[in-house]
Amino acid sequence: MDSGSINSAVNTSLALQQHNQNQEVQANLLRKSLDSQASQLGQLMSSMETQPALATTGSVGTQINTFA
């Protein structure tokens, strides 16, 4: 092997390492972003009020939830 092909192989290897590191950083950022969104959605869902159940007796509220 001549020195040109060795340098080329080394440079390619270094470029691939840098690319892999960049992908790792981007994946970690995406994971943190998704975790943050999941946490915010969980807080939003837990803050929502639950609707009362339909009435079981009577002529009003047994088929349609009339609670306003």
Protein backbone atom coordinates (compact mmCIF):
# COMPACT_ATOMS: atom_id res chain seq x y z
CA MET A 1 0.00 0.00 0.00
CA ASP A 2 1.21 3.44 -0.77
CA SER A 3 0.95 6.32 1.67
CA GLY A 4 -1.89 7.91 -0.30
CA SER A 5 -4.21 4.94 0.13
CA ILE A 6 -3.28 4.63 3.82
CA ASN A 7 -4.07 8.31 4.37
CA SER A 8 -7.32 7.88 2.49
CA ALA A 9 -8.29 4.89 4.65
CA VAL A 10 -7.43 6.75 7.85
CA ASN A 11 -9.37 9.84 6.76
CA THR A 12 -12.38 7.70 5.84
CA SER A 13 -12.24 5.98 9.19
CA LEU A 14 -12.06 9.28 11.04
CA ALA A 15 -14.95 10.68 9.01
CA LEU A 16 -17.08 7.63 9.83
CA GLN A 17 -16.26 7.98 13.53
CA GLN A 18 -17.29 11.63 13.45
CA HIS A 19 -20.49 10.77 11.61
CA ASN A 20 -21.34 8.06 14.17
CA GLN A 21 -20.74 10.49 17.03
CA ASN A 22 -23.00 13.06 15.40
CA GLN A 23 -25.74 10.46 14.98
CA GLU A 24 -25.40 9.47 18.64
CA VAL A 25 -25.78 13.09 19.72
CA GLN A 26 -28.83 13.54 17.51
CA ALA A 27 -30.40 10.31 18.80
CA ASN A 28 -29.85 11.39 22.41
CA LEU A 29 -31.41 14.78 21.68
CA LEU A 30 -34.42 13.10 20.04
CA ARG A 31 -34.79 10.72 23.00
CA LYS A 32 -34.70 13.62 25.47
CA SER A 33 -37.21 15.56 23.39
CA LEU A 34 -39.60 12.59 23.25
CA ASP A 35 -39.24 11.98 26.98
CA SER A 36 -40.04 15.63 27.65
CA GLN A 37 -43.11 15.49 25.41
CA ALA A 38 -44.30 12.30 27.10
CA SER A 39 -43.89 13.92 30.50
CA GLN A 40 -45.81 17.01 29.43
CA LEU A 41 -48.58 14.90 27.93
CA GLY A 42 -48.80 12.87 31.14
CA GLN A 43 -49.16 16.06 33.18
CA LEU A 44 -51.82 17.36 30.79
CA MET A 45 -53.79 14.12 30.90
CA SER A 46 -53.63 13.93 34.69
CA SER A 47 -54.89 17.50 35.00
CA MET A 48 -58.00 16.77 32.93
CA GLU A 49 -61.22 16.20 34.84
CA THR A 50 -62.97 12.90 34.45
CA GLN A 51 -66.51 13.09 33.19
CA PRO A 52 -69.25 11.68 35.39
CA ALA A 53 -70.80 8.40 34.34
CA LEU A 54 -74.22 8.21 32.71
CA ALA A 55 -77.21 8.06 35.03
CA THR A 56 -78.50 4.56 35.67
CA THR A 57 -82.08 5.48 36.59
CA GLY A 58 -84.60 8.06 35.49
CA SER A 59 -85.61 9.39 32.10
CA VAL A 60 -82.79 11.91 31.63
CA GLY A 61 -79.11 11.13 31.24
CA THR A 62 -79.33 7.37 30.77
CA GLN A 63 -78.52 7.39 27.04
CA ILE A 64 -76.72 10.70 26.50
CA ASN A 65 -74.42 12.45 28.90
CA THR A 66 -76.32 15.67 29.66
CA PHE A 67 -73.73 17.03 32.08
CA ALA A 68 -72.54 20.44 30.97
